[in-house]
Each structure stands twice: as structure tokens, then as C-alpha cells.
Amino acid sequence: MLGGYGLFGVILDVDLDIVDNEMYSRKTLYMNYTDFPEYYRANIENNKDIGLIFGRLSVSPDSFLRETAVHAYLKTPFDGTMPALKPAIHNTLDRLIINFSKTGDIGRWMRWTLEKYAEPHLHDCVSRNQAMSQKEACLVSRNEEMYDDMAYLKNRLPDTDILQEYFIPYNHMPEFVDGVRDVVTRNHANLLNVTIRTVHKDTVTALPYAKENMFAFVLYFNVKFSERDNETLRKTTSNLIDVAQRAGGTYYLPYQLFYSTEQLRKSYPEIDDFFAAKKKYDPSGLFSNKFYEKYGM
């Protein structure tokens, strides 16, 4: 059931509406994080020619959570044959770079520098003889850009990677990013990546995380298998939820359960009605999970 977090039913059958693949002209801009909300509103939000858009905040120590890469994909007419998906060819190099970035400031500086200056030359664009009218553009298909086999994340290191996601109103982005920078620095959390996406206002689910059109910040932490690192992440998560809530935002529920009941109710004031409906429609508790066991029972 959509928005039921696995507590109300099991989806047995799905009908999918699929659409044709598209060709995009890929462009990357760099700007200060404080300029991103206005750039988005002026150039992206109502631009129907934009097929994909996402941002990435620098984790390099010399521009930490300030410099922002904006990757925009403009819909482009294309008369040729759409290229087939290809297997990744840089997995070994990518694995080396991301594992080195876990080790500290030098590794994160190197990764950001390579992404900024080297990655554009390694990007798999459609060759010019396939798109003679777009000689200067990097043309990529939507399916190619959305595909990632994630093999470069496989390793034998004694650690794990943790995702978190926070949803922030456009105007409060600088406030939130400043808070993230302060919390991560103060707690010495090993933050490897921050991606910025957009989400539209949720009007259909029982527990809407987007109360309005918002930016979604996906944070990617590295944690060693130790009580010390686990406690660091627990404290960092609680602090970041406070930062998001002060900025008028929310956080995504289905990650680690480090948030308090008070934080849950503040971001999701509908939670009591949600649990009441759960008890009404599933009084025997047939469907359960750790989230429900901690907060709903």
C-alpha cells in the first residue's frame, strides 16, 4: 500500500505506464550553495525542457558544503538510434577513489577535484557522428544516466555506508546547509556525499514528508563497525533532524531509528492517526517491522 511503510498490506500485482527513452544535452554548472534556490526557481522549476536535474555539494575541505555542482539535462531532438545500456567500465577506478575519500580530507579533496575536472572527459556521451547537429554538446540518454550498477561500492573494508534524507523548503536551503556543516564538523562524522534532488508536494499519502515543493538532501555517511562510530552517527542524526525541523523541513522515516518520539511527532503530526488506522485494519499485527515495534506498539 502506497505510504503504508509495509504495515497495511502487500502489493501483489502492478501495472506500469512506461514512456519512451529520451536524449538529453548534459550541462554542469558550479555555484555557491546560497545561489542554488534562486537559480532553480529562475531556470529549472517551470522549464519543461529540463528532463533531469540534480545537485551535489562539495565535501572537499576547501569548499566544504559550499561549492555546488548543478547537473542539468536538456531535452534534445534526436533522429538516431538510442544507444543500448552499457556495463560500467570504471568500477575499479571509482572504487579506489571512493574508498580513498573515506580516509579523510585529502581523499575527499581528490574525489571532488576528479569529479569536477576529470569526470566530464570520461563521461560516455553519444559520438558526434551520431548527432551531427549537436557537435558541442554531451548527449546522453535518460536510461543511461539513471542506470548505475553500484559495483564500485563493493569492498572488504570493515565499515558500512549509511544513507539519510532530509526535505527542506527552497528558501531555507542555506540555513539547513549551514546547520549540516556545523553538525558534521562538530561531531566529526564521516560525510562522503550530499546530493540535492527535488520533490513535489505530497497530497496522497498518510504521512507526507513533503508538505510543499522541497529540496531533498541525500546524505551519505561512512561508519566503521564500532560503538564509537555508531554513537557518532546516532548523535549526528538527532542533531540533523533538529536542524531540518528548525528550517521547516522533515526527514525520511525508513532509515536508522535514531530519532525520538518527539521528533517523529513534530515532523509527522499525523502519526497517531496512522497508528490508530493500523490497529483498526490489522488488529492482530500481521504486518510489522522495527519502526512499528519501536514507535507504534
Protein backbone atom coordinates (compact mmCIF):
# COMPACT_ATOMS: atom_id res chain seq x y z
CA MET A 1 0.00 0.00 0.00
CA LEU A 2 1.43 3.35 -1.03
CA GLY A 3 2.73 5.21 2.02
CA GLY A 4 1.94 2.36 4.41
CA TYR A 5 5.59 1.52 5.17
CA GLY A 6 4.83 -2.19 4.86
CA LEU A 7 2.33 -2.15 7.72
CA PHE A 8 -1.02 -2.37 5.89
CA GLY A 9 -0.65 -4.82 3.05
CA VAL A 10 1.42 -6.49 0.36
CA ILE A 11 1.40 -5.40 -3.29
CA LEU A 12 0.69 -8.47 -5.42
CA ASP A 13 0.24 -7.01 -8.90
CA VAL A 14 1.40 -3.82 -10.59
CA ASP A 15 0.58 -2.17 -13.93
CA LEU A 16 3.35 0.11 -15.16
CA ASP A 17 2.88 3.03 -17.56
CA ILE A 18 6.18 3.27 -19.44
CA VAL A 19 7.39 6.08 -21.70
CA ASP A 20 9.95 6.31 -24.47
CA ASN A 21 13.59 6.90 -23.67
CA GLU A 22 14.80 10.46 -24.31
CA MET A 23 18.06 12.08 -25.35
CA TYR A 24 19.44 14.89 -23.22
CA SER A 25 22.12 17.51 -23.60
CA ARG A 26 24.14 17.39 -20.38
CA LYS A 27 25.43 20.58 -18.76
CA THR A 28 27.13 21.15 -15.41
CA LEU A 29 27.40 24.49 -13.61
CA TYR A 30 29.20 25.36 -10.38
CA MET A 31 27.88 27.92 -7.93
CA ASN A 32 27.75 28.83 -4.27
CA TYR A 33 25.08 26.92 -2.34
CA THR A 34 23.31 30.17 -1.40
CA ASP A 35 22.68 30.86 -5.11
CA PHE A 36 21.10 27.48 -5.84
CA PRO A 37 17.48 28.20 -4.73
CA GLU A 38 17.18 31.29 -6.93
CA TYR A 39 18.90 29.57 -9.85
CA TYR A 40 16.47 26.67 -9.55
CA ARG A 41 13.40 28.89 -9.45
CA ALA A 42 14.57 31.06 -12.36
CA ASN A 43 15.94 28.36 -14.68
CA ILE A 44 14.63 24.94 -13.73
CA GLU A 45 11.36 24.83 -11.81
CA ASN A 46 8.98 25.75 -14.66
CA ASN A 47 11.26 24.79 -17.54
CA LYS A 48 9.51 21.95 -19.37
CA ASP A 49 12.61 21.36 -21.50
CA ILE A 50 14.56 20.09 -18.50
CA GLY A 51 14.44 16.29 -18.32
CA LEU A 52 16.60 15.68 -15.26
CA ILE A 53 18.23 17.89 -12.63
CA PHE A 54 20.27 17.23 -9.52
CA GLY A 55 22.91 18.99 -7.47
CA ARG A 56 25.88 17.86 -5.46
CA LEU A 57 27.51 19.70 -2.57
CA SER A 58 31.27 19.62 -2.24
CA VAL A 59 32.75 17.56 0.61
CA SER A 60 36.26 18.83 -0.14
CA PRO A 61 37.72 20.63 2.91
CA ASP A 62 38.47 23.82 0.96
CA SER A 63 34.85 24.22 -0.20
CA PHE A 64 33.01 22.02 2.29
CA LEU A 65 29.23 22.19 1.74
CA ARG A 66 29.63 25.49 -0.12
CA GLU A 67 30.55 24.85 -3.74
CA THR A 68 27.63 23.21 -5.55
CA ALA A 69 27.67 21.28 -8.81
CA VAL A 70 24.38 21.53 -10.72
CA HIS A 71 23.84 18.84 -13.35
CA ALA A 72 21.07 19.78 -15.78
CA TYR A 73 19.80 17.66 -18.68
CA LEU A 74 18.01 19.49 -21.50
CA LYS A 75 15.62 17.50 -23.71
CA THR A 76 17.19 17.33 -27.17
CA PRO A 77 15.72 16.22 -30.55
CA PHE A 78 17.49 13.09 -31.75
CA ASP A 79 16.91 11.20 -35.01
CA GLY A 80 19.39 8.39 -34.47
CA THR A 81 19.06 5.06 -32.68
CA MET A 82 19.03 5.30 -28.91
CA PRO A 83 22.22 3.73 -27.53
CA ALA A 84 21.86 0.50 -25.60
CA LEU A 85 22.82 0.41 -21.94
CA LYS A 86 26.47 -0.44 -21.44
CA PRO A 87 28.15 -2.09 -18.45
CA ALA A 88 30.25 0.21 -16.27
CA ILE A 89 33.90 0.40 -17.33
CA HIS A 90 35.44 2.44 -14.50
CA ASN A 91 34.42 0.33 -11.48
CA THR A 92 37.97 -0.31 -10.26
CA LEU A 93 38.95 3.34 -10.51
CA ASP A 94 35.69 4.51 -8.93
CA ARG A 95 36.09 2.02 -6.06
CA LEU A 96 39.63 3.25 -5.40
CA ILE A 97 38.53 6.89 -5.39
CA ILE A 98 35.53 6.48 -3.10
CA ASN A 99 37.43 4.24 -0.66
CA PHE A 100 40.26 6.78 -0.52
CA SER A 101 37.73 9.53 0.18
CA LYS A 102 36.72 7.66 3.35
CA THR A 103 40.19 8.22 4.82
CA GLY A 104 39.99 11.97 5.38
CA ASP A 105 40.39 15.45 3.92
CA ILE A 106 42.96 14.59 1.24
CA GLY A 107 40.81 11.78 -0.10
CA ARG A 108 37.69 13.96 -0.21
CA TRP A 109 39.60 16.79 -1.88
CA MET A 110 40.91 14.40 -4.53
CA ARG A 111 37.48 12.93 -5.21
CA TRP A 112 35.79 16.33 -5.64
CA THR A 113 38.64 17.55 -7.84
CA LEU A 114 38.44 14.47 -10.08
CA GLU A 115 34.65 14.73 -10.32
CA LYS A 116 34.95 18.39 -11.28
CA TYR A 117 37.82 18.27 -13.77
CA ALA A 118 38.32 14.65 -14.91
CA GLU A 119 34.85 13.09 -14.90
CA PRO A 120 33.49 15.25 -17.77
CA HIS A 121 36.19 13.83 -20.04
CA LEU A 122 35.34 10.25 -19.01
CA HIS A 123 31.57 10.65 -19.43
CA ASP A 124 30.12 8.35 -22.07
CA CYS A 125 28.47 10.77 -24.50
CA VAL A 126 26.94 9.98 -27.88
CA SER A 127 29.63 10.34 -30.54
CA ARG A 128 29.45 13.30 -32.90
CA ASN A 129 28.74 11.20 -35.97
CA GLN A 130 25.54 10.05 -34.26
CA ALA A 131 24.38 13.61 -33.56
CA MET A 132 25.83 15.90 -36.18
CA SER A 133 23.57 18.78 -35.18
CA GLN A 134 24.89 18.76 -31.59
CA LYS A 135 28.66 18.79 -32.11
CA GLU A 136 29.50 20.71 -28.97
CA ALA A 137 27.03 19.03 -26.63
CA CYS A 138 27.44 15.94 -24.48
CA LEU A 139 24.40 13.89 -25.46
CA VAL A 140 23.22 11.15 -23.13
CA SER A 141 20.04 9.11 -22.88
CA ARG A 142 17.84 9.24 -19.79
CA ASN A 143 18.13 5.49 -19.28
CA GLU A 144 21.93 5.70 -19.39
CA GLU A 145 22.06 8.50 -16.83
CA MET A 146 19.61 6.76 -14.49
CA TYR A 147 21.47 3.45 -14.65
CA ASP A 148 24.13 2.59 -12.06
CA ASP A 149 25.09 -0.99 -11.19
CA MET A 150 26.79 0.17 -7.94
CA ALA A 151 29.53 -2.46 -8.29
CA TYR A 152 32.14 0.14 -7.33
CA LEU A 153 30.75 0.15 -3.78
CA LYS A 154 31.68 -3.50 -3.15
CA ASN A 155 34.70 -3.88 -0.89
CA ARG A 156 36.12 -5.87 2.01
CA LEU A 157 36.63 -2.93 4.34
CA PRO A 158 35.39 -3.19 7.97
CA ASP A 159 32.79 -0.47 7.51
CA THR A 160 29.36 0.29 6.10
CA ASP A 161 27.71 3.22 4.36
CA ILE A 162 24.52 4.86 5.63
CA LEU A 163 22.01 6.95 3.69
CA GLN A 164 19.81 9.66 5.18
CA GLU A 165 17.39 12.08 3.52
CA TYR A 166 16.03 15.45 4.59
CA PHE A 167 13.35 17.57 2.89
CA ILE A 168 13.74 21.35 3.11
CA PRO A 169 11.69 24.29 1.73
CA TYR A 170 13.50 26.13 -1.04
CA ASN A 171 14.02 29.37 0.89
CA HIS A 172 15.53 27.56 3.87
CA MET A 173 18.22 25.68 1.96
CA PRO A 174 21.15 27.94 3.08
CA GLU A 175 20.02 27.72 6.70
CA PHE A 176 19.86 23.93 6.52
CA VAL A 177 23.22 23.54 4.78
CA ASP A 178 24.88 25.80 7.35
CA GLY A 179 23.42 23.62 10.08
CA VAL A 180 24.63 20.42 8.41
CA ARG A 181 28.13 21.83 8.09
CA ASP A 182 28.17 22.77 11.78
CA VAL A 183 26.82 19.40 12.98
CA VAL A 184 29.09 17.24 10.80
CA THR A 185 32.18 19.26 11.70
CA ARG A 186 31.39 19.34 15.41
CA ASN A 187 30.65 15.60 15.63
CA HIS A 188 33.49 14.56 13.29
CA ALA A 189 31.05 12.50 11.21
CA ASN A 190 32.47 10.94 8.05
CA LEU A 191 30.23 12.53 5.41
CA LEU A 192 31.12 11.31 1.91
CA ASN A 193 28.46 12.81 -0.31
CA VAL A 194 25.47 15.18 -0.43
CA THR A 195 23.10 15.07 -3.40
CA ILE A 196 20.29 17.58 -3.92
CA ARG A 197 17.07 16.45 -5.58
CA THR A 198 13.61 17.97 -5.84
CA VAL A 199 10.36 16.50 -4.56
CA HIS A 200 6.83 17.76 -5.17
CA LYS A 201 4.20 18.33 -2.52
CA ASP A 202 2.70 15.04 -1.34
CA THR A 203 -1.09 15.13 -1.29
CA VAL A 204 -1.90 11.40 -1.28
CA THR A 205 -0.07 9.54 1.49
CA ALA A 206 -0.97 9.35 5.16
CA LEU A 207 2.48 10.51 6.31
CA PRO A 208 3.62 13.13 3.78
CA TYR A 209 7.30 14.05 4.06
CA ALA A 210 6.95 16.88 1.51
CA LYS A 211 4.47 19.40 2.88
CA GLU A 212 5.24 21.63 -0.11
CA ASN A 213 7.62 21.52 -3.07
CA MET A 214 11.01 20.94 -1.47
CA PHE A 215 14.66 20.16 -1.98
CA ALA A 216 15.66 16.69 -0.85
CA PHE A 217 19.16 16.31 0.57
CA VAL A 218 20.54 12.78 0.41
CA LEU A 219 23.44 12.39 2.85
CA TYR A 220 25.87 9.50 2.55
CA PHE A 221 27.90 8.63 5.66
CA ASN A 222 30.67 6.09 6.17
CA VAL A 223 30.69 4.27 9.52
CA LYS A 224 33.15 1.75 10.90
CA PHE A 225 31.87 -1.29 12.79
CA SER A 226 32.38 0.20 16.24
CA GLU A 227 30.31 1.55 19.10
CA ARG A 228 32.12 4.87 18.79
CA ASP A 229 31.14 5.41 15.15
CA ASN A 230 27.61 4.18 15.78
CA GLU A 231 27.20 6.66 18.63
CA THR A 232 28.63 9.43 16.43
CA LEU A 233 26.04 8.67 13.76
CA ARG A 234 23.22 8.45 16.32
CA LYS A 235 24.10 11.89 17.72
CA THR A 236 24.63 13.35 14.25
CA THR A 237 21.27 12.05 13.04
CA SER A 238 19.41 13.51 16.01
CA ASN A 239 21.18 16.84 15.55
CA LEU A 240 20.44 16.93 11.82
CA ILE A 241 16.75 16.23 12.40
CA ASP A 242 16.68 19.23 14.76
CA VAL A 243 18.38 21.34 12.07
CA ALA A 244 15.85 20.21 9.45
CA GLN A 245 12.89 20.91 11.72
CA ARG A 246 14.16 24.40 12.58
CA ALA A 247 14.34 25.03 8.83
CA GLY A 248 10.71 23.97 8.40
CA GLY A 249 11.65 20.58 6.95
CA THR A 250 11.24 16.88 7.63
CA TYR A 251 13.28 13.70 7.40
CA TYR A 252 12.76 10.31 5.78
CA LEU A 253 11.48 7.63 8.17
CA PRO A 254 12.76 4.25 6.90
CA TYR A 255 16.42 4.64 7.77
CA GLN A 256 18.06 4.04 11.15
CA LEU A 257 15.70 4.59 14.08
CA PHE A 258 17.78 7.19 15.92
CA TYR A 259 15.03 9.80 16.21
CA SER A 260 12.95 10.36 19.34
CA THR A 261 9.18 10.05 19.58
CA GLU A 262 9.06 13.83 19.99
CA GLN A 263 10.99 14.35 16.77
CA LEU A 264 8.73 11.87 14.99
CA ARG A 265 5.57 13.69 16.09
CA LYS A 266 6.98 17.09 15.17
CA SER A 267 7.76 16.08 11.58
CA TYR A 268 4.75 13.78 11.23
CA PRO A 269 1.87 15.12 13.33
CA GLU A 270 -0.39 12.59 11.57
CA ILE A 271 1.48 9.67 13.15
CA ASP A 272 -1.11 8.95 15.88
CA ASP A 273 -3.90 8.67 13.29
CA PHE A 274 -1.62 6.44 11.21
CA PHE A 275 -1.03 4.04 14.11
CA ALA A 276 -4.74 4.13 15.02
CA ALA A 277 -5.61 3.07 11.47
CA LYS A 278 -3.00 0.33 11.71
CA LYS A 279 -4.62 -1.08 14.85
CA LYS A 280 -8.08 -0.83 13.24
CA TYR A 281 -7.28 -2.62 9.99
CA ASP A 282 -4.65 -5.02 11.32
CA PRO A 283 -5.63 -5.70 14.95
CA SER A 284 -3.64 -8.94 15.08
CA GLY A 285 -0.43 -7.22 13.94
CA LEU A 286 0.06 -9.46 10.92
CA PHE A 287 2.37 -6.90 9.32
CA SER A 288 5.17 -5.48 11.43
CA ASN A 289 8.67 -4.01 11.28
CA LYS A 290 11.24 -2.42 13.58
CA PHE A 291 9.77 1.06 13.04
CA TYR A 292 6.35 -0.06 14.26
CA GLU A 293 7.78 -2.07 17.13
CA LYS A 294 9.68 0.97 18.43
CA TYR A 295 7.19 3.77 17.89
CA GLY A 296 3.75 2.27 17.36
CA MET A 297 3.25 -0.56 19.83
